[in-house]
Amino acid sequence: MRRIDVKRGVRLAALACTLLTGACTDMYLDRRDTVSFGAGDAVAANKVAHMVDPWPARSVNRDIAFDGERMQAAAERYRTNKVTPLSAAGTSSVKYDSVAPTPAAK
C-alpha cells in the first residue's frame, strides 16, 4: 500500500510541474498563419526602404559652438588635480552653513 502512494505522489507532482510550467510558454503566440513573425509590416517596411535621409536636417551642422580657452582651462585643472567642486543645487533660497566634521576621538 505504501509503494502505491509513493508512485501516485510522484505522478501527481510530475503532473503539477507540467501544468505549472506549461503556462510559462508563449506557444500560442507562435502559432500564426503568416510566413514569418515580421509579416504584416509591409507598409512600415516600405516607408523605411524609401526614406531618403532619416536624420534631421540640422544634424549635418558641424559648426558646434564652443569656447576653446574655457575647455583648455578645464583640461588643465583636471590634469593638475585642481578641479573646483560643484555647488550644491537646491530648491531652497536660504543659504545654510555647512557643519564642519569633528575629529573622531580615539
Protein backbone atom coordinates (compact mmCIF):
# COMPACT_ATOMS: atom_id res chain seq x y z
CA MET A 1 0.00 0.00 0.00
CA ARG A 2 2.85 2.38 0.78
CA ARG A 3 4.53 1.84 -2.61
CA ILE A 4 1.32 2.72 -4.45
CA ASP A 5 1.03 6.01 -2.51
CA VAL A 6 4.62 6.97 -3.40
CA LYS A 7 4.08 6.28 -7.11
CA ARG A 8 0.83 8.20 -7.03
CA GLY A 9 2.53 11.15 -5.31
CA VAL A 10 5.32 11.19 -7.87
CA ARG A 11 2.81 11.12 -10.71
CA LEU A 12 0.80 13.95 -9.14
CA ALA A 13 3.97 16.01 -8.61
CA ALA A 14 5.03 15.44 -12.24
CA LEU A 15 1.56 16.42 -13.45
CA ALA A 16 1.57 19.55 -11.28
CA CYS A 17 5.03 20.59 -12.57
CA THR A 18 3.91 20.03 -16.15
CA LEU A 19 0.79 22.11 -15.70
CA LEU A 20 2.57 24.92 -13.85
CA THR A 21 5.50 25.25 -16.26
CA GLY A 22 3.27 24.83 -19.29
CA ALA A 23 1.69 28.19 -18.54
CA CYS A 24 5.09 29.90 -18.94
CA THR A 25 5.24 29.43 -22.71
CA ASP A 26 4.12 31.79 -25.41
CA MET A 27 3.49 28.97 -27.83
CA TYR A 28 0.02 30.33 -28.50
CA LEU A 29 1.56 33.50 -29.92
CA ASP A 30 3.99 31.49 -32.06
CA ARG A 31 1.15 29.80 -33.94
CA ARG A 32 0.38 32.21 -36.72
CA ASP A 33 -0.84 31.93 -40.27
CA THR A 34 1.98 34.08 -41.61
CA VAL A 35 5.24 33.25 -43.28
CA SER A 36 7.36 34.90 -40.59
CA PHE A 37 6.88 36.79 -37.32
CA GLY A 38 7.58 40.10 -39.08
CA ALA A 39 4.99 39.54 -41.77
CA GLY A 40 2.24 42.13 -41.92
CA ASP A 41 4.53 45.14 -41.53
CA ALA A 42 4.83 45.77 -45.27
CA VAL A 43 3.68 49.39 -45.05
CA ALA A 44 6.20 50.24 -42.35
CA ALA A 45 8.97 48.37 -44.19
CA ASN A 46 8.21 50.24 -47.42
CA LYS A 47 8.27 53.60 -45.64
CA VAL A 48 11.73 52.91 -44.25
CA ALA A 49 13.03 51.48 -47.54
CA HIS A 50 12.04 54.62 -49.45
CA MET A 51 13.23 57.10 -46.84
CA VAL A 52 15.96 59.32 -48.30
CA ASP A 53 17.63 60.56 -45.13
CA PRO A 54 16.31 59.59 -41.71
CA TRP A 55 18.45 62.18 -39.89
CA PRO A 56 17.14 65.67 -39.14
CA ALA A 57 18.46 68.46 -41.36
CA ARG A 58 20.37 70.17 -38.54
CA SER A 59 22.42 67.04 -37.82
CA VAL A 60 24.69 67.98 -40.77
CA ASN A 61 25.84 71.17 -38.99
CA ARG A 62 29.43 70.54 -37.92
CA ASP A 63 29.99 74.08 -36.67
CA ILE A 64 29.38 73.40 -32.98
CA ALA A 65 29.69 76.46 -30.75
CA PHE A 66 32.38 76.01 -28.09
CA ASP A 67 34.88 78.03 -26.12
CA GLY A 68 38.41 76.70 -26.63
CA GLU A 69 40.02 78.73 -23.85
CA ARG A 70 37.45 77.54 -21.34
CA MET A 71 37.91 73.92 -22.44
CA GLN A 72 41.69 74.25 -22.20
CA ALA A 73 41.44 75.70 -18.69
CA ALA A 74 39.16 72.84 -17.64
CA ALA A 75 41.56 70.24 -19.04
CA GLU A 76 44.46 71.92 -17.25
CA ARG A 77 42.57 71.94 -13.92
CA TYR A 78 41.77 68.26 -14.38
CA ARG A 79 45.41 67.43 -15.26
CA THR A 80 46.77 69.22 -12.19
CA ASN A 81 44.01 67.79 -9.94
CA LYS A 82 42.66 71.26 -9.10
CA VAL A 83 39.09 70.62 -10.12
CA THR A 84 36.64 73.01 -8.49
CA PRO A 85 33.88 71.26 -6.55
CA LEU A 86 30.35 71.57 -7.83
CA SER A 87 28.00 73.84 -5.98
CA ALA A 88 25.02 72.11 -4.43
CA ALA A 89 21.89 72.79 -6.39
CA GLY A 90 18.97 73.01 -4.06
CA THR A 91 15.45 74.30 -4.14
CA SER A 92 15.82 76.46 -1.07
CA SER A 93 16.68 80.16 -1.33
CA VAL A 94 18.16 80.12 2.20
CA LYS A 95 21.95 79.76 2.50
CA TYR A 96 22.81 77.16 5.14
CA ASP A 97 26.28 76.96 6.65
CA SER A 98 27.92 73.58 6.32
CA VAL A 99 28.73 71.83 9.56
CA ALA A 100 32.41 71.04 9.89
CA PRO A 101 33.05 67.40 10.85
CA THR A 102 34.52 66.97 14.29
CA PRO A 103 37.60 64.77 14.64
CA ALA A 104 36.81 61.32 15.96
CA ALA A 105 38.06 60.55 19.45
CA LYS A 106 40.44 57.62 19.77
